[in-house]
Amino acid sequence: MSAAEEIITTAEDDFEDFRAMAHEKLDEALEKLRPLFCQENKPDLKEISEALQEFKQDFSGALLQEAARGLHQEGEQGPQPCPHCGKLVGKLRDTSREIETRHGKSLLTRAYYYCRHCRHGFSPLDESLDLSQGSKQRDLQQLALKFLARMPFEEAQDLFLESTGVHFSDHCMHELFASFTDGLAPEEVIPSPEEIKRRIDQARTSERRPVLVAATDGAHVPTRPESGHNSKQGQGEYKEAKGFRIYLTVGERIVHLASWHQIGSKEEITNALQLAAQRIPQEKVRICLIGDGAHWLWEAMEEAFPMGRQILDYYHVKEYIHSLAEAQYSHDSNKALHWVESTMARLAFQDGVRHVIAGLRRMRPSSEEAKEQIRKTINYLERNKHRIHYRGDRIGGYPIGSGGVESANKFICHTRLKRSGAWWLKQNSNKMLALRCSLVNGTFDQIFSRHATREKVKGAYTNG
């Protein structure tokens, strides 16, 4: 028999042993369902479901325990190299460790080694199975973080228990959140160049390069000072979390590439945007930049995408025109509506921004309020007239509105941070924004893998 055939035969024998054990465990777990059939009042569907949920966790937890033991413990009894110094160490004893996964609780019995040279204890099975330091394993940690990204900690704790049958305390969730998001930066959260290129190639449907949109906007986040827990109520304030969203427009679809949001300085946002731009194969796309007129955000986008087509958000322009109409024609709503529609038609279909500005200069204000609105609107259009070319934009397939980034503000910032009664420390709000961006960007799993590796190294160092 060849070595390969021997390996296959051994594996088949191991599986048959596992199959026999599984039948035994199934019979043990089924016995727990016997009272369900023997009680006088027949259970309803809810009671049957709850009983089967408990049965499933008992059974799958036992299977996990035996599968781990059968797949990884072969050869574990002999001398093993110490992870710290490399010296061969003999087994000291067998120890048991209880772990929790989405399959329930399992008790792992494994060999324990102790190196007297460097005073380090270890179990090779823990390393083989990639166990976390605590009882709750990585699958539970990943799921808990996804819960936390969507709801308050206490609510996440309750729903986690209800949906998994595993208790994950509020305190443990806070520790997990703090550990995972500590130092989380755009370098990790923004997808890699390879992933962005893959999404662009996958989205392309014709020879013409797809349109890539880089849009910036701000969302107000409720914050509190460091002493907020001990100070009087009402001392919180709203701070603006600036962010960007980069996406492709493919027909009626939006293909998301990257988002980043934070309460931070101009330099921090600019650096994050430049990092994202460096990861984009710009020769494969037609780039447009959409903003609402904030000067420094335009500077940041221009620096990151110097060849991008700049487009002033159509709906912000419309807001200016509406505000002016309300002030100028406050006593004649029909005239106000007619003026708004004709003015926006010039901007949208005739590229007539210069004609609109000239008309505003000739307009006779009906009040001091109207005079001020005319001045503001002229200044706004003058500053951004090179960004108003909506007719050509539509012909070229470019979007003219910032709805893509505004929707990102809602589902990244508002739905989690702007909840009734919620006031955030600045650093915690930025951590939550980074976590939510990682989920939206599709980088959460890679970040979690790196986090698990760091925790493992940290734990090994601490134990040593």
Protein backbone atom coordinates (compact mmCIF):
# COMPACT_ATOMS: atom_id res chain seq x y z
CA MET A 1 0.00 0.00 0.00
CA SER A 2 1.38 3.40 -0.99
CA ALA A 3 1.69 6.31 1.43
CA ALA A 4 -1.20 8.12 -0.26
CA GLU A 5 -3.43 5.04 -0.06
CA GLU A 6 -2.51 4.60 3.60
CA ILE A 7 -3.49 8.20 4.35
CA ILE A 8 -6.85 7.71 2.61
CA THR A 9 -7.49 4.45 4.49
CA THR A 10 -6.64 6.06 7.83
CA ALA A 11 -8.92 9.01 7.05
CA GLU A 12 -11.76 6.63 6.16
CA ASP A 13 -11.26 4.76 9.43
CA ASP A 14 -11.28 8.03 11.38
CA PHE A 15 -14.52 9.07 9.68
CA GLU A 16 -16.19 5.76 10.46
CA ASP A 17 -15.18 6.17 14.11
CA PHE A 18 -16.68 9.67 14.01
CA ARG A 19 -19.87 8.34 12.39
CA ALA A 20 -20.28 5.74 15.17
CA MET A 21 -19.70 8.38 17.82
CA ALA A 22 -22.21 10.72 16.12
CA HIS A 23 -24.88 8.03 16.32
CA GLU A 24 -24.21 7.65 20.04
CA LYS A 25 -24.38 11.40 20.62
CA LEU A 26 -27.56 11.61 18.57
CA ASP A 27 -29.22 8.98 20.75
CA GLU A 28 -28.09 10.85 23.90
CA ALA A 29 -29.44 14.15 22.59
CA LEU A 30 -32.72 12.59 21.41
CA GLU A 31 -33.38 11.29 24.92
CA LYS A 32 -33.78 14.92 25.98
CA LEU A 33 -36.74 15.17 23.61
CA ARG A 34 -38.58 12.22 25.20
CA PRO A 35 -40.50 14.43 27.72
CA LEU A 36 -41.87 16.39 24.78
CA PHE A 37 -43.78 13.28 23.66
CA CYS A 38 -44.77 12.09 27.10
CA GLN A 39 -46.38 15.20 28.56
CA GLU A 40 -50.15 15.24 28.97
CA ASN A 41 -50.75 18.54 27.15
CA LYS A 42 -49.36 18.38 23.66
CA PRO A 43 -46.84 21.15 22.93
CA ASP A 44 -47.56 23.89 20.41
CA LEU A 45 -45.19 24.81 17.58
CA LYS A 46 -43.30 27.39 19.65
CA GLU A 47 -42.55 24.84 22.40
CA ILE A 48 -41.49 22.24 19.84
CA SER A 49 -39.19 24.80 18.19
CA GLU A 50 -37.57 25.77 21.51
CA ALA A 51 -36.99 22.12 22.42
CA LEU A 52 -35.42 21.38 19.04
CA GLN A 53 -33.21 24.48 19.34
CA GLU A 54 -31.82 23.18 22.63
CA PHE A 55 -31.45 19.70 21.12
CA LYS A 56 -29.61 21.13 18.11
CA GLN A 57 -27.11 22.99 20.27
CA ASP A 58 -26.45 19.96 22.49
CA PHE A 59 -25.97 17.69 19.50
CA SER A 60 -23.93 20.01 17.28
CA GLY A 61 -21.77 21.05 20.25
CA ALA A 62 -20.97 17.39 20.91
CA LEU A 63 -20.21 16.82 17.21
CA LEU A 64 -17.89 19.81 17.12
CA GLN A 65 -16.08 18.54 20.20
CA GLU A 66 -15.52 15.07 18.76
CA ALA A 67 -14.64 16.33 15.26
CA ALA A 68 -11.99 18.66 16.70
CA ARG A 69 -10.56 15.88 18.78
CA GLY A 70 -10.50 13.38 15.91
CA LEU A 71 -9.10 15.74 13.27
CA HIS A 72 -6.38 17.45 15.29
CA GLN A 73 -5.17 15.32 18.17
CA GLU A 74 -3.29 12.68 16.23
CA GLY A 75 0.35 12.78 17.26
CA GLU A 76 -0.33 15.34 19.96
CA GLN A 77 0.86 13.02 22.72
CA GLY A 78 4.56 13.15 21.71
CA PRO A 79 7.09 15.91 22.45
CA GLN A 80 6.20 19.29 20.98
CA PRO A 81 8.37 22.35 20.22
CA CYS A 82 7.80 25.28 22.56
CA PRO A 83 6.26 28.22 20.60
CA HIS A 84 8.61 30.63 22.40
CA CYS A 85 12.04 29.02 22.49
CA GLY A 86 11.66 26.03 20.15
CA LYS A 87 12.87 23.43 22.65
CA LEU A 88 11.10 20.05 22.59
CA VAL A 89 8.79 19.65 25.58
CA GLY A 90 7.07 16.52 26.89
CA LYS A 91 3.38 16.46 27.75
CA LEU A 92 2.62 17.44 31.33
CA ARG A 93 -1.02 16.33 31.56
CA ASP A 94 -4.41 16.42 29.84
CA THR A 95 -6.63 19.41 30.59
CA SER A 96 -10.18 20.31 29.63
CA ARG A 97 -11.38 23.62 28.29
CA GLU A 98 -14.95 24.74 27.69
CA ILE A 99 -15.52 26.77 24.54
CA GLU A 100 -18.62 28.36 23.03
CA THR A 101 -19.40 28.59 19.33
CA ARG A 102 -22.57 29.12 17.33
CA HIS A 103 -23.10 25.39 17.79
CA GLY A 104 -23.28 25.73 21.57
CA LYS A 105 -20.88 24.68 24.32
CA SER A 106 -18.18 22.06 23.82
CA LEU A 107 -15.68 20.58 26.24
CA LEU A 108 -12.28 20.01 24.67
CA THR A 109 -9.84 17.66 26.40
CA ARG A 110 -6.33 18.25 25.11
CA ALA A 111 -2.68 17.73 25.98
CA TYR A 112 -1.01 20.46 28.02
CA TYR A 113 2.72 21.18 27.82
CA TYR A 114 4.90 23.34 30.02
CA CYS A 115 8.34 24.56 29.02
CA ARG A 116 10.53 24.98 32.10
CA HIS A 117 13.18 26.78 30.09
CA CYS A 118 11.02 29.82 29.26
CA ARG A 119 8.17 29.11 31.70
CA HIS A 120 5.54 28.99 29.00
CA GLY A 121 2.51 26.70 29.02
CA PHE A 122 0.69 25.73 25.83
CA SER A 123 -1.72 23.29 24.22
CA PRO A 124 -0.99 22.46 20.57
CA LEU A 125 -4.67 21.78 19.92
CA ASP A 126 -5.52 25.40 20.77
CA GLU A 127 -3.11 26.53 18.07
CA SER A 128 -4.33 23.95 15.53
CA LEU A 129 -7.95 24.98 16.03
CA ASP A 130 -7.08 28.70 16.19
CA LEU A 131 -8.95 29.13 19.47
CA SER A 132 -9.43 32.58 20.91
CA GLN A 133 -8.19 33.42 24.40
CA GLY A 134 -11.65 33.54 25.98
CA SER A 135 -14.41 30.96 25.90
CA LYS A 136 -16.33 32.72 23.12
CA GLN A 137 -14.82 31.76 19.79
CA ARG A 138 -14.29 33.75 16.63
CA ASP A 139 -17.60 32.90 14.95
CA LEU A 140 -19.46 34.36 17.94
CA GLN A 141 -17.20 37.40 18.05
CA GLN A 142 -17.77 38.16 14.38
CA LEU A 143 -21.51 37.85 14.79
CA ALA A 144 -21.50 40.03 17.92
CA LEU A 145 -19.64 42.80 16.09
CA LYS A 146 -22.22 42.74 13.31
CA PHE A 147 -24.97 43.06 15.92
CA LEU A 148 -23.15 45.99 17.56
CA ALA A 149 -22.74 47.75 14.24
CA ARG A 150 -26.52 47.83 13.87
CA MET A 151 -27.98 48.37 17.35
CA PRO A 152 -27.16 49.62 20.88
CA PHE A 153 -25.10 47.34 23.10
CA GLU A 154 -27.87 46.29 25.49
CA GLU A 155 -30.26 45.59 22.63
CA ALA A 156 -27.53 43.64 20.83
CA GLN A 157 -26.93 41.55 23.95
CA ASP A 158 -30.61 40.61 24.26
CA LEU A 159 -31.11 39.83 20.58
CA PHE A 160 -27.85 37.87 20.43
CA LEU A 161 -29.07 35.59 23.22
CA GLU A 162 -32.49 35.21 21.64
CA SER A 163 -31.13 34.34 18.19
CA THR A 164 -28.13 32.16 19.13
CA GLY A 165 -28.90 30.84 22.60
CA VAL A 166 -25.50 32.15 23.76
CA HIS A 167 -25.15 34.83 26.44
CA PHE A 168 -22.72 37.58 25.44
CA SER A 169 -22.66 40.15 28.24
CA ASP A 170 -22.81 43.87 27.65
CA HIS A 171 -19.38 44.22 29.27
CA CYS A 172 -17.82 41.58 26.98
CA MET A 173 -19.37 43.24 23.95
CA HIS A 174 -17.87 46.58 24.94
CA GLU A 175 -14.45 44.96 25.35
CA LEU A 176 -14.73 43.21 21.98
CA PHE A 177 -15.79 46.43 20.25
CA ALA A 178 -12.94 48.42 21.82
CA SER A 179 -10.36 45.76 20.97
CA PHE A 180 -11.52 45.26 17.37
CA THR A 181 -11.82 48.96 16.49
CA ASP A 182 -8.71 50.16 18.30
CA GLY A 183 -6.54 51.89 15.70
CA LEU A 184 -8.87 50.93 12.85
CA ALA A 185 -7.82 53.23 10.00
CA PRO A 186 -8.59 53.84 6.31
CA GLU A 187 -5.63 51.64 5.31
CA GLU A 188 -7.58 48.59 6.53
CA VAL A 189 -11.17 49.70 5.96
CA ILE A 190 -10.83 50.80 2.32
CA PRO A 191 -10.68 47.79 -0.06
CA SER A 192 -7.38 46.76 -1.61
CA PRO A 193 -6.37 47.80 -5.14
CA GLU A 194 -6.95 44.23 -6.32
CA GLU A 195 -10.48 44.14 -4.90
CA ILE A 196 -11.41 47.53 -6.35
CA LYS A 197 -10.08 46.49 -9.76
CA ARG A 198 -12.09 43.26 -9.56
CA ARG A 199 -15.30 45.18 -8.84
CA ILE A 200 -14.65 47.58 -11.72
CA ASP A 201 -13.94 44.75 -14.17
CA GLN A 202 -17.01 42.87 -13.01
CA ALA A 203 -19.26 45.93 -13.38
CA ARG A 204 -18.10 46.82 -16.88
CA THR A 205 -20.78 45.95 -19.44
CA SER A 206 -19.46 47.61 -22.61
CA GLU A 207 -16.32 48.92 -24.25
CA ARG A 208 -17.01 52.35 -22.81
CA ARG A 209 -15.37 52.94 -19.46
CA PRO A 210 -17.84 53.05 -16.54
CA VAL A 211 -18.40 56.29 -14.62
CA LEU A 212 -16.74 56.45 -11.23
CA VAL A 213 -18.27 58.93 -8.80
CA ALA A 214 -16.35 60.42 -5.88
CA ALA A 215 -18.73 62.38 -3.69
CA THR A 216 -18.21 64.11 -0.35
CA ASP A 217 -20.67 65.31 2.27
CA GLY A 218 -21.12 65.75 6.00
CA ALA A 219 -23.46 64.24 8.61
CA HIS A 220 -24.04 65.69 12.08
CA VAL A 221 -23.32 63.31 14.95
CA PRO A 222 -24.40 63.86 18.60
CA THR A 223 -21.26 63.99 20.77
CA ARG A 224 -20.56 64.55 24.45
CA PRO A 225 -17.45 65.62 26.38
CA GLU A 226 -15.22 63.14 28.19
CA SER A 227 -16.89 63.99 31.53
CA GLY A 228 -20.34 63.51 30.04
CA HIS A 229 -21.42 60.71 32.39
CA ASN A 230 -20.85 62.85 35.50
CA SER A 231 -21.83 66.26 34.14
CA LYS A 232 -25.22 67.88 33.73
CA GLN A 233 -27.43 67.01 30.82
CA GLY A 234 -27.50 69.29 27.81
CA GLN A 235 -23.75 69.71 27.44
CA GLY A 236 -23.52 67.59 24.33
CA GLU A 237 -23.11 69.09 20.88
CA TYR A 238 -23.47 68.01 17.29
CA LYS A 239 -20.25 67.65 15.34
CA GLU A 240 -19.98 67.04 11.63
CA ALA A 241 -18.64 63.71 10.46
CA LYS A 242 -17.20 64.34 7.03
CA GLY A 243 -17.06 61.48 4.64
CA PHE A 244 -16.87 60.29 1.07
CA ARG A 245 -18.35 57.57 -1.03
CA ILE A 246 -16.76 56.24 -4.21
CA TYR A 247 -18.96 54.18 -6.48
CA LEU A 248 -19.67 53.20 -10.08
CA THR A 249 -22.86 54.00 -11.95
CA VAL A 250 -23.83 51.15 -14.26
CA GLY A 251 -27.18 51.93 -15.86
CA GLU A 252 -29.61 52.25 -12.97
CA ARG A 253 -27.28 50.39 -10.59
CA ILE A 254 -24.75 51.71 -8.10
CA VAL A 255 -21.69 49.51 -7.51
CA HIS A 256 -20.12 50.51 -4.21
CA LEU A 257 -16.32 50.73 -4.03
CA ALA A 258 -15.35 52.56 -0.83
CA SER A 259 -16.64 54.77 1.97
CA TRP A 260 -14.97 56.47 4.89
CA HIS A 261 -16.57 58.76 7.52
CA GLN A 262 -15.11 60.37 10.63
CA ILE A 263 -15.19 63.41 12.85
CA GLY A 264 -11.77 64.72 11.98
CA SER A 265 -9.58 67.41 10.51
CA LYS A 266 -9.29 68.47 6.90
CA GLU A 267 -5.95 66.67 6.68
CA GLU A 268 -7.38 63.37 7.95
CA ILE A 269 -10.25 63.35 5.45
CA THR A 270 -7.94 64.45 2.63
CA ASN A 271 -5.43 61.70 3.42
CA ALA A 272 -8.15 59.05 3.49
CA LEU A 273 -9.52 60.23 0.14
CA GLN A 274 -6.04 60.22 -1.40
CA LEU A 275 -5.45 56.69 -0.11
CA ALA A 276 -8.66 55.53 -1.80
CA ALA A 277 -7.71 57.32 -5.03
CA GLN A 278 -4.32 55.60 -5.09
CA ARG A 279 -6.04 52.21 -4.99
CA ILE A 280 -8.26 52.93 -8.00
CA PRO A 281 -7.07 52.09 -11.53
CA GLN A 282 -8.12 55.50 -12.82
CA GLU A 283 -7.37 54.64 -16.44
CA LYS A 284 -10.23 52.12 -16.36
CA VAL A 285 -12.96 54.63 -15.43
CA ARG A 286 -14.35 58.06 -16.26
CA ILE A 287 -14.20 60.05 -13.03
CA CYS A 288 -16.60 62.70 -11.82
CA LEU A 289 -16.51 64.59 -8.55
CA ILE A 290 -19.77 65.68 -6.89
CA GLY A 291 -20.02 68.13 -4.01
CA ASP A 292 -22.23 70.82 -2.54
CA GLY A 293 -19.80 73.71 -2.77
CA ALA A 294 -17.71 73.38 0.42
CA HIS A 295 -14.35 74.81 -0.66
CA TRP A 296 -11.96 72.53 1.24
CA LEU A 297 -13.82 69.38 0.21
CA TRP A 298 -13.45 70.38 -3.43
CA GLU A 299 -9.74 70.93 -2.80
CA ALA A 300 -9.47 67.44 -1.29
CA MET A 301 -11.27 65.83 -4.25
CA GLU A 302 -9.25 67.77 -6.82
CA GLU A 303 -6.01 66.74 -5.16
CA ALA A 304 -7.04 63.07 -5.11
CA PHE A 305 -8.57 63.05 -8.62
CA PRO A 306 -6.97 65.90 -10.61
CA MET A 307 -8.56 64.73 -13.89
CA GLY A 308 -12.05 64.31 -12.45
CA ARG A 309 -15.03 66.10 -14.02
CA GLN A 310 -16.39 68.44 -11.33
CA ILE A 311 -20.17 68.59 -10.91
CA LEU A 312 -21.99 70.82 -8.45
CA ASP A 313 -24.82 68.91 -6.82
CA TYR A 314 -27.98 69.82 -8.73
CA TYR A 315 -30.22 69.60 -5.67
CA HIS A 316 -28.13 72.03 -3.62
CA VAL A 317 -28.43 74.51 -6.49
CA LYS A 318 -32.16 73.94 -6.48
CA GLU A 319 -32.30 74.71 -2.75
CA TYR A 320 -30.66 78.11 -3.37
CA ILE A 321 -33.09 78.89 -6.18
CA HIS A 322 -36.09 77.88 -4.07
CA SER A 323 -34.93 79.98 -1.11
CA LEU A 324 -34.54 83.00 -3.35
CA ALA A 325 -37.99 82.47 -4.92
CA GLU A 326 -39.63 82.24 -1.50
CA ALA A 327 -38.04 85.54 -0.46
CA GLN A 328 -38.57 87.41 -3.75
CA TYR A 329 -42.12 86.21 -4.51
CA SER A 330 -43.40 85.63 -0.98
CA HIS A 331 -46.89 86.94 -1.87
CA ASP A 332 -47.30 85.04 -5.16
CA SER A 333 -46.59 81.31 -4.93
CA ASN A 334 -47.55 80.69 -8.57
CA LYS A 335 -45.04 83.26 -9.78
CA ALA A 336 -42.41 81.78 -7.47
CA LEU A 337 -43.02 78.28 -8.85
CA HIS A 338 -42.92 79.51 -12.47
CA TRP A 339 -39.64 81.36 -11.87
CA VAL A 340 -38.03 78.32 -10.16
CA GLU A 341 -39.03 75.97 -12.99
CA SER A 342 -37.81 78.29 -15.75
CA THR A 343 -34.53 79.00 -13.95
CA MET A 344 -33.79 75.32 -13.27
CA ALA A 345 -34.69 74.46 -16.88
CA ARG A 346 -32.03 76.93 -18.06
CA LEU A 347 -29.47 75.33 -15.78
CA ALA A 348 -30.43 71.73 -16.50
CA PHE A 349 -31.15 71.77 -20.23
CA GLN A 350 -29.41 74.82 -21.70
CA ASP A 351 -26.17 75.12 -19.67
CA GLY A 352 -27.32 78.67 -19.02
CA VAL A 353 -25.60 79.44 -15.76
CA ARG A 354 -24.18 82.73 -17.08
CA HIS A 355 -27.63 83.82 -18.25
CA VAL A 356 -29.08 82.95 -14.85
CA ILE A 357 -26.40 84.97 -13.06
CA ALA A 358 -27.00 87.92 -15.41
CA GLY A 359 -30.73 87.72 -14.71
CA LEU A 360 -30.13 87.69 -10.96
CA ARG A 361 -27.98 90.83 -11.25
CA ARG A 362 -30.87 92.59 -13.01
CA MET A 363 -33.47 91.38 -10.50
CA ARG A 364 -35.01 94.09 -8.32
CA PRO A 365 -35.25 92.83 -4.74
CA SER A 366 -38.73 92.91 -3.22
CA SER A 367 -37.33 93.06 0.34
CA GLU A 368 -34.13 93.15 2.31
CA GLU A 369 -34.40 89.38 2.76
CA ALA A 370 -34.71 88.95 -1.00
CA LYS A 371 -31.72 91.22 -1.54
CA GLU A 372 -29.60 89.06 0.75
CA GLN A 373 -30.77 85.84 -0.94
CA ILE A 374 -29.96 87.28 -4.38
CA ARG A 375 -26.46 88.16 -3.19
CA LYS A 376 -25.89 84.68 -1.72
CA THR A 377 -27.18 82.91 -4.82
CA ILE A 378 -25.04 85.01 -7.20
CA ASN A 379 -21.92 84.33 -5.11
CA TYR A 380 -22.71 80.60 -4.95
CA LEU A 381 -23.24 80.30 -8.70
CA GLU A 382 -20.20 82.47 -9.53
CA ARG A 383 -17.92 80.34 -7.37
CA ASN A 384 -19.18 77.13 -8.94
CA LYS A 385 -20.18 78.08 -12.49
CA HIS A 386 -17.41 75.90 -13.97
CA ARG A 387 -19.07 72.94 -12.22
CA ILE A 388 -22.56 73.56 -13.68
CA HIS A 389 -22.91 71.80 -17.05
CA TYR A 390 -25.80 69.45 -16.40
CA ARG A 391 -26.87 69.02 -20.03
CA GLY A 392 -23.44 67.69 -21.02
CA ASP A 393 -23.28 65.61 -17.85
CA ARG A 394 -26.47 63.77 -18.69
CA ILE A 395 -25.37 63.19 -22.28
CA GLY A 396 -22.11 61.68 -21.00
CA GLY A 397 -23.91 59.43 -18.50
CA TYR A 398 -22.68 61.32 -15.43
CA PRO A 399 -24.95 61.75 -12.39
CA ILE A 400 -25.78 65.32 -11.38
CA GLY A 401 -26.89 64.70 -7.80
CA SER A 402 -25.15 63.67 -4.60
CA GLY A 403 -27.79 61.15 -3.58
CA GLY A 404 -25.20 58.37 -3.45
CA VAL A 405 -23.18 59.95 -0.65
CA GLU A 406 -26.24 61.31 1.14
CA SER A 407 -27.68 57.80 1.31
CA ALA A 408 -24.30 56.67 2.70
CA ASN A 409 -24.64 59.33 5.41
CA LYS A 410 -27.99 57.85 6.35
CA PHE A 411 -27.11 54.17 6.42
CA ILE A 412 -23.56 54.58 7.79
CA CYS A 413 -23.96 57.51 10.20
CA HIS A 414 -27.57 58.32 10.98
CA THR A 415 -29.15 54.89 11.46
CA ARG A 416 -26.65 53.90 14.16
CA LEU A 417 -25.33 57.10 15.71
CA LYS A 418 -28.36 59.40 15.62
CA ARG A 419 -30.65 57.33 17.83
CA SER A 420 -32.92 58.78 20.48
CA GLY A 421 -30.91 59.63 23.60
CA ALA A 422 -27.55 58.63 22.07
CA TRP A 423 -24.55 60.89 22.77
CA TRP A 424 -21.13 59.65 21.72
CA LEU A 425 -17.57 60.32 22.73
CA LYS A 426 -15.78 61.47 19.61
CA GLN A 427 -13.37 58.53 19.59
CA ASN A 428 -16.19 56.01 20.04
CA SER A 429 -18.27 57.54 17.27
CA ASN A 430 -15.27 57.30 14.93
CA LYS A 431 -14.72 53.68 15.94
CA MET A 432 -18.35 52.85 15.20
CA LEU A 433 -18.15 54.65 11.85
CA ALA A 434 -15.02 52.66 10.97
CA LEU A 435 -16.76 49.39 11.90
CA ARG A 436 -19.83 50.24 9.81
CA CYS A 437 -17.66 51.32 6.86
CA SER A 438 -15.80 48.01 7.00
CA LEU A 439 -19.10 46.14 6.65
CA VAL A 440 -20.31 48.36 3.81
CA ASN A 441 -16.93 48.17 2.03
CA GLY A 442 -16.77 44.38 2.34
CA THR A 443 -13.47 44.46 4.26
CA PHE A 444 -14.81 43.30 7.64
CA ASP A 445 -13.75 39.65 7.29
CA GLN A 446 -10.15 40.52 6.35
CA ILE A 447 -9.91 43.02 9.21
CA PHE A 448 -11.27 40.45 11.64
CA SER A 449 -8.68 37.88 10.51
CA ARG A 450 -5.88 40.37 11.17
CA HIS A 451 -7.46 41.27 14.51
CA ALA A 452 -7.57 37.58 15.50
CA THR A 453 -3.89 37.19 14.60
CA ARG A 454 -2.95 40.24 16.69
CA GLU A 455 -4.96 38.95 19.64
CA LYS A 456 -3.27 35.55 19.36
CA VAL A 457 0.20 37.11 19.38
CA LYS A 458 -0.76 39.38 22.25
CA GLY A 459 -2.15 36.42 24.22
CA ALA A 460 0.94 34.31 23.59
CA TYR A 461 3.14 37.17 24.80
CA THR A 462 1.03 37.67 27.91
CA ASN A 463 1.00 33.96 28.72
CA GLY A 464 4.73 33.81 28.28
